[in-house]
Amino acid sequence: MGDRIHEIIGEIGIIHNTLIETNKILEAEEVFEFIEDYDTDVQEHYLNLLLQYYFQKNDLKNLKEVLLVGAKFDMRFDDVKEAFLNIKSDEENVIEFMQENVVFVKEEIKAEFLKTMYEYYISNVDFQSALEQAVELIKRNRYVCAFCYKNNKSEEFFKFFLNEDLLESLKRDLPYLVK
């Protein structure tokens, strides 16, 4: 299997680049047709990567299509950041759609991710209302809350993402997270 994984990774790279170059990646149905002649393991691995790609691009329509065929990925906070940076309208976004996953992302939070998201929010006044729901969901993540509390110096972005109600709950119920 060790050699096969390298083959799969190579094939996935070629598939992904081809789909981007031909714009077929813009429609999940076209992607499904394109990969149908590949081995099942290549298809499965690629669909999981594709799900992550659509999440990061905030492409809810195609994300739903790929979810329907059983794809899944381990969401990281970097994925949430990328999706957030691609919110451009008041339409439902992938962060709202996958809110449970976003709220429970358990990963080391990086200050530069929060800072980038904060700067995006502040500099895009025209669609701050579209970003509000995503911000509220991110603020419900206990790891974001704990990180902001521990690092809450004078940086405005830490204060922006700090959820005071959740913090009180963490101090009471999960004090090891905020120490």
C-alpha atoms as a PDB file:
ATOM      1  CA  MET A   1       0.000   0.000   0.000  1.00  0.00           C
ATOM      2  CA  GLY A   2       2.942   2.329   0.639  1.00  0.00           C
ATOM      3  CA  ASP A   3       3.783   2.534  -3.063  1.00  0.00           C
ATOM      4  CA  ARG A   4       0.119   2.799  -3.982  1.00  0.00           C
ATOM      5  CA  ILE A   5      -0.393   5.869  -1.815  1.00  0.00           C
ATOM      6  CA  HIS A   6       2.303   7.685  -3.778  1.00  0.00           C
ATOM      7  CA  GLU A   7       0.563   6.726  -7.024  1.00  0.00           C
ATOM      8  CA  ILE A   8      -2.771   7.960  -5.647  1.00  0.00           C
ATOM      9  CA  ILE A   9      -1.264  11.280  -4.551  1.00  0.00           C
ATOM     10  CA  GLY A  10       0.325  11.728  -7.972  1.00  0.00           C
ATOM     11  CA  GLU A  11      -2.907  10.936  -9.792  1.00  0.00           C
ATOM     12  CA  ILE A  12      -4.900  13.235  -7.534  1.00  0.00           C
ATOM     13  CA  GLY A  13      -2.503  16.104  -8.265  1.00  0.00           C
ATOM     14  CA  ILE A  14      -2.883  15.594 -12.005  1.00  0.00           C
ATOM     15  CA  ILE A  15      -6.667  15.284 -11.749  1.00  0.00           C
ATOM     16  CA  HIS A  16      -6.990  18.424  -9.621  1.00  0.00           C
ATOM     17  CA  ASN A  17      -4.779  20.553 -11.864  1.00  0.00           C
ATOM     18  CA  THR A  18      -6.603  19.356 -14.987  1.00  0.00           C
ATOM     19  CA  LEU A  19     -10.007  20.126 -13.464  1.00  0.00           C
ATOM     20  CA  ILE A  20      -8.872  23.628 -12.476  1.00  0.00           C
ATOM     21  CA  GLU A  21      -7.306  24.349 -15.895  1.00  0.00           C
ATOM     22  CA  THR A  22     -10.443  23.206 -17.741  1.00  0.00           C
ATOM     23  CA  ASN A  23     -12.840  24.897 -15.266  1.00  0.00           C
ATOM     24  CA  LYS A  24     -14.617  21.565 -14.779  1.00  0.00           C
ATOM     25  CA  ILE A  25     -14.001  21.992 -11.074  1.00  0.00           C
ATOM     26  CA  LEU A  26     -16.716  24.660 -11.094  1.00  0.00           C
ATOM     27  CA  GLU A  27     -19.380  21.926 -11.331  1.00  0.00           C
ATOM     28  CA  ALA A  28     -19.230  18.857  -9.083  1.00  0.00           C
ATOM     29  CA  GLU A  29     -21.231  16.826 -11.619  1.00  0.00           C
ATOM     30  CA  GLU A  30     -18.531  17.421 -14.236  1.00  0.00           C
ATOM     31  CA  VAL A  31     -15.901  16.336 -11.720  1.00  0.00           C
ATOM     32  CA  PHE A  32     -17.813  13.120 -11.019  1.00  0.00           C
ATOM     33  CA  GLU A  33     -17.938  12.348 -14.745  1.00  0.00           C
ATOM     34  CA  PHE A  34     -14.257  13.162 -15.168  1.00  0.00           C
ATOM     35  CA  ILE A  35     -13.077  10.802 -12.423  1.00  0.00           C
ATOM     36  CA  GLU A  36     -15.447   7.892 -13.067  1.00  0.00           C
ATOM     37  CA  ASP A  37     -12.817   5.915 -15.011  1.00  0.00           C
ATOM     38  CA  TYR A  38     -10.215   6.138 -12.254  1.00  0.00           C
ATOM     39  CA  ASP A  39      -9.719   3.428  -9.637  1.00  0.00           C
ATOM     40  CA  THR A  40     -12.111   3.552  -6.701  1.00  0.00           C
ATOM     41  CA  ASP A  41      -9.382   4.418  -4.199  1.00  0.00           C
ATOM     42  CA  VAL A  42      -8.267   7.362  -6.340  1.00  0.00           C
ATOM     43  CA  GLN A  43     -11.875   8.550  -6.624  1.00  0.00           C
ATOM     44  CA  GLU A  44     -12.439   8.325  -2.864  1.00  0.00           C
ATOM     45  CA  HIS A  45      -9.249  10.168  -1.986  1.00  0.00           C
ATOM     46  CA  TYR A  46      -9.908  12.818  -4.595  1.00  0.00           C
ATOM     47  CA  LEU A  47     -13.491  13.408  -3.476  1.00  0.00           C
ATOM     48  CA  ASN A  48     -12.282  13.991   0.080  1.00  0.00           C
ATOM     49  CA  LEU A  49      -9.756  16.542  -1.214  1.00  0.00           C
ATOM     50  CA  LEU A  50     -12.456  18.088  -3.396  1.00  0.00           C
ATOM     51  CA  LEU A  51     -14.743  18.497  -0.397  1.00  0.00           C
ATOM     52  CA  GLN A  52     -11.997  20.413   1.403  1.00  0.00           C
ATOM     53  CA  TYR A  53     -11.400  22.499  -1.747  1.00  0.00           C
ATOM     54  CA  TYR A  54     -15.079  23.460  -2.029  1.00  0.00           C
ATOM     55  CA  PHE A  55     -15.210  24.262   1.674  1.00  0.00           C
ATOM     56  CA  GLN A  56     -12.217  26.581   1.421  1.00  0.00           C
ATOM     57  CA  LYS A  57     -13.673  28.256  -1.661  1.00  0.00           C
ATOM     58  CA  ASN A  58     -17.023  28.739   0.115  1.00  0.00           C
ATOM     59  CA  ASP A  59     -18.730  26.871  -2.709  1.00  0.00           C
ATOM     60  CA  LEU A  60     -21.797  25.604  -0.880  1.00  0.00           C
ATOM     61  CA  LYS A  61     -23.608  24.211  -3.920  1.00  0.00           C
ATOM     62  CA  ASN A  62     -20.740  21.924  -4.909  1.00  0.00           C
ATOM     63  CA  LEU A  63     -19.879  21.122  -1.295  1.00  0.00           C
ATOM     64  CA  LYS A  64     -23.374  19.702  -0.829  1.00  0.00           C
ATOM     65  CA  GLU A  65     -23.024  17.611  -4.006  1.00  0.00           C
ATOM     66  CA  VAL A  66     -19.766  16.085  -2.800  1.00  0.00           C
ATOM     67  CA  LEU A  67     -21.163  15.451   0.675  1.00  0.00           C
ATOM     68  CA  LEU A  68     -24.016  13.493  -0.943  1.00  0.00           C
ATOM     69  CA  VAL A  69     -21.549  10.991  -2.410  1.00  0.00           C
ATOM     70  CA  GLY A  70     -20.055  10.343   1.036  1.00  0.00           C
ATOM     71  CA  ALA A  71     -16.881  12.421   0.998  1.00  0.00           C
ATOM     72  CA  LYS A  72     -15.451  13.749   4.249  1.00  0.00           C
ATOM     73  CA  PHE A  73     -12.413  15.610   5.477  1.00  0.00           C
ATOM     74  CA  ASP A  74     -10.806  16.511   8.766  1.00  0.00           C
ATOM     75  CA  MET A  75     -11.507  20.192   9.064  1.00  0.00           C
ATOM     76  CA  ARG A  76      -8.663  22.357  10.269  1.00  0.00           C
ATOM     77  CA  PHE A  77      -8.834  25.932  11.435  1.00  0.00           C
ATOM     78  CA  ASP A  78      -6.891  26.947   8.324  1.00  0.00           C
ATOM     79  CA  ASP A  79      -9.841  25.606   6.264  1.00  0.00           C
ATOM     80  CA  VAL A  80     -12.229  27.773   8.302  1.00  0.00           C
ATOM     81  CA  LYS A  81     -10.010  30.811   7.716  1.00  0.00           C
ATOM     82  CA  GLU A  82      -9.929  30.198   3.957  1.00  0.00           C
ATOM     83  CA  ALA A  83     -13.700  29.741   3.801  1.00  0.00           C
ATOM     84  CA  PHE A  84     -14.201  32.918   5.837  1.00  0.00           C
ATOM     85  CA  LEU A  85     -12.010  34.890   3.428  1.00  0.00           C
ATOM     86  CA  ASN A  86     -14.233  33.719   0.566  1.00  0.00           C
ATOM     87  CA  ILE A  87     -17.545  34.924   1.998  1.00  0.00           C
ATOM     88  CA  LYS A  88     -18.686  37.629  -0.372  1.00  0.00           C
ATOM     89  CA  SER A  89     -22.483  37.729  -0.067  1.00  0.00           C
ATOM     90  CA  ASP A  90     -25.391  37.330   2.347  1.00  0.00           C
ATOM     91  CA  GLU A  91     -26.174  33.877   0.961  1.00  0.00           C
ATOM     92  CA  GLU A  92     -25.712  30.914   3.294  1.00  0.00           C
ATOM     93  CA  ASN A  93     -22.045  30.005   3.441  1.00  0.00           C
ATOM     94  CA  VAL A  94     -20.152  26.798   4.144  1.00  0.00           C
ATOM     95  CA  ILE A  95     -19.282  27.883   7.691  1.00  0.00           C
ATOM     96  CA  GLU A  96     -22.968  28.254   8.517  1.00  0.00           C
ATOM     97  CA  PHE A  97     -23.828  25.020   6.728  1.00  0.00           C
ATOM     98  CA  MET A  98     -21.151  23.021   8.574  1.00  0.00           C
ATOM     99  CA  GLN A  99     -21.532  24.927  11.822  1.00  0.00           C
ATOM    100  CA  GLU A 100     -21.191  21.893  14.108  1.00  0.00           C
ATOM    101  CA  ASN A 101     -17.833  21.046  12.562  1.00  0.00           C
ATOM    102  CA  VAL A 102     -16.670  24.664  12.818  1.00  0.00           C
ATOM    103  CA  VAL A 103     -17.687  25.015  16.450  1.00  0.00           C
ATOM    104  CA  PHE A 104     -15.885  21.796  17.363  1.00  0.00           C
ATOM    105  CA  VAL A 105     -12.688  22.170  15.321  1.00  0.00           C
ATOM    106  CA  LYS A 106     -10.043  20.986  17.741  1.00  0.00           C
ATOM    107  CA  GLU A 107      -6.731  22.229  16.557  1.00  0.00           C
ATOM    108  CA  GLU A 108      -4.046  24.657  17.559  1.00  0.00           C
ATOM    109  CA  ILE A 109      -5.295  28.117  16.681  1.00  0.00           C
ATOM    110  CA  LYS A 110      -2.767  30.471  15.149  1.00  0.00           C
ATOM    111  CA  ALA A 111      -2.797  34.191  15.849  1.00  0.00           C
ATOM    112  CA  GLU A 112      -2.111  35.034  12.208  1.00  0.00           C
ATOM    113  CA  PHE A 113      -5.303  33.209  11.158  1.00  0.00           C
ATOM    114  CA  LEU A 114      -7.423  35.258  13.554  1.00  0.00           C
ATOM    115  CA  LYS A 115      -5.626  38.454  12.580  1.00  0.00           C
ATOM    116  CA  THR A 116      -6.184  37.792   8.859  1.00  0.00           C
ATOM    117  CA  MET A 117      -9.873  37.063   9.435  1.00  0.00           C
ATOM    118  CA  TYR A 118     -10.280  40.157  11.591  1.00  0.00           C
ATOM    119  CA  GLU A 119      -8.586  42.368   8.991  1.00  0.00           C
ATOM    120  CA  TYR A 120     -10.813  40.885   6.280  1.00  0.00           C
ATOM    121  CA  TYR A 121     -13.892  41.648   8.369  1.00  0.00           C
ATOM    122  CA  ILE A 122     -12.807  45.223   9.158  1.00  0.00           C
ATOM    123  CA  SER A 123     -11.760  46.061   5.599  1.00  0.00           C
ATOM    124  CA  ASN A 124     -14.953  44.699   3.971  1.00  0.00           C
ATOM    125  CA  VAL A 125     -17.583  46.988   5.425  1.00  0.00           C
ATOM    126  CA  ASP A 126     -19.963  46.295   2.538  1.00  0.00           C
ATOM    127  CA  PHE A 127     -20.503  42.696   3.546  1.00  0.00           C
ATOM    128  CA  GLN A 128     -19.800  42.661   7.256  1.00  0.00           C
ATOM    129  CA  SER A 129     -23.408  41.645   7.772  1.00  0.00           C
ATOM    130  CA  ALA A 130     -22.722  38.545   5.656  1.00  0.00           C
ATOM    131  CA  LEU A 131     -19.750  37.725   7.863  1.00  0.00           C
ATOM    132  CA  GLU A 132     -21.558  38.181  11.193  1.00  0.00           C
ATOM    133  CA  GLN A 133     -23.017  34.672  11.417  1.00  0.00           C
ATOM    134  CA  ALA A 134     -19.658  33.095  10.588  1.00  0.00           C
ATOM    135  CA  VAL A 135     -17.942  35.258  13.224  1.00  0.00           C
ATOM    136  CA  GLU A 136     -20.483  34.185  15.835  1.00  0.00           C
ATOM    137  CA  LEU A 137     -19.934  30.506  15.009  1.00  0.00           C
ATOM    138  CA  ILE A 138     -16.162  30.879  15.211  1.00  0.00           C
ATOM    139  CA  LYS A 139     -16.527  32.629  18.557  1.00  0.00           C
ATOM    140  CA  ARG A 140     -18.447  29.575  19.839  1.00  0.00           C
ATOM    141  CA  ASN A 141     -15.365  27.377  19.337  1.00  0.00           C
ATOM    142  CA  ARG A 142     -13.910  26.752  22.785  1.00  0.00           C
ATOM    143  CA  TYR A 143     -10.345  26.502  21.452  1.00  0.00           C
ATOM    144  CA  VAL A 144     -10.640  29.902  19.780  1.00  0.00           C
ATOM    145  CA  CYS A 145     -12.030  31.311  23.022  1.00  0.00           C
ATOM    146  CA  ALA A 146      -9.267  29.805  25.158  1.00  0.00           C
ATOM    147  CA  PHE A 147      -6.567  30.935  22.734  1.00  0.00           C
ATOM    148  CA  CYS A 148      -7.898  34.494  22.632  1.00  0.00           C
ATOM    149  CA  TYR A 149      -8.138  34.604  26.424  1.00  0.00           C
ATOM    150  CA  LYS A 150      -4.592  33.318  26.945  1.00  0.00           C
ATOM    151  CA  ASN A 151      -3.147  35.717  24.365  1.00  0.00           C
ATOM    152  CA  ASN A 152      -5.401  38.674  25.066  1.00  0.00           C
ATOM    153  CA  LYS A 153      -2.848  41.396  25.176  1.00  0.00           C
ATOM    154  CA  SER A 154      -3.519  44.637  23.370  1.00  0.00           C
ATOM    155  CA  GLU A 155      -4.334  43.064  19.998  1.00  0.00           C
ATOM    156  CA  GLU A 156      -7.812  44.022  18.871  1.00  0.00           C
ATOM    157  CA  PHE A 157      -8.370  40.766  16.956  1.00  0.00           C
ATOM    158  CA  PHE A 158      -8.058  38.710  20.166  1.00  0.00           C
ATOM    159  CA  LYS A 159     -10.742  40.846  21.787  1.00  0.00           C
ATOM    160  CA  PHE A 160     -12.889  40.587  18.646  1.00  0.00           C
ATOM    161  CA  PHE A 161     -12.988  36.763  18.712  1.00  0.00           C
ATOM    162  CA  LEU A 162     -13.207  36.390  22.500  1.00  0.00           C
ATOM    163  CA  ASN A 163     -16.571  35.074  23.673  1.00  0.00           C
ATOM    164  CA  GLU A 164     -17.006  36.243  27.276  1.00  0.00           C
ATOM    165  CA  ASP A 165     -19.976  33.944  28.012  1.00  0.00           C
ATOM    166  CA  LEU A 166     -18.129  30.901  26.720  1.00  0.00           C
ATOM    167  CA  LEU A 167     -15.035  31.972  28.637  1.00  0.00           C
ATOM    168  CA  GLU A 168     -16.956  31.972  31.929  1.00  0.00           C
ATOM    169  CA  SER A 169     -18.268  28.506  31.122  1.00  0.00           C
ATOM    170  CA  LEU A 170     -14.751  27.267  30.309  1.00  0.00           C
ATOM    171  CA  LYS A 171     -13.353  28.716  33.526  1.00  0.00           C
ATOM    172  CA  ARG A 172     -16.018  26.861  35.455  1.00  0.00           C
ATOM    173  CA  ASP A 173     -16.266  23.566  33.547  1.00  0.00           C
ATOM    174  CA  LEU A 174     -12.950  23.137  31.682  1.00  0.00           C
ATOM    175  CA  PRO A 175     -10.431  25.249  33.596  1.00  0.00           C
ATOM    176  CA  TYR A 176      -7.456  23.358  32.113  1.00  0.00           C
ATOM    177  CA  LEU A 177      -8.235  24.944  28.720  1.00  0.00           C
ATOM    178  CA  VAL A 178      -7.773  28.491  29.950  1.00  0.00           C
ATOM    179  CA  LYS A 179      -4.736  28.041  32.204  1.00  0.00           C
END
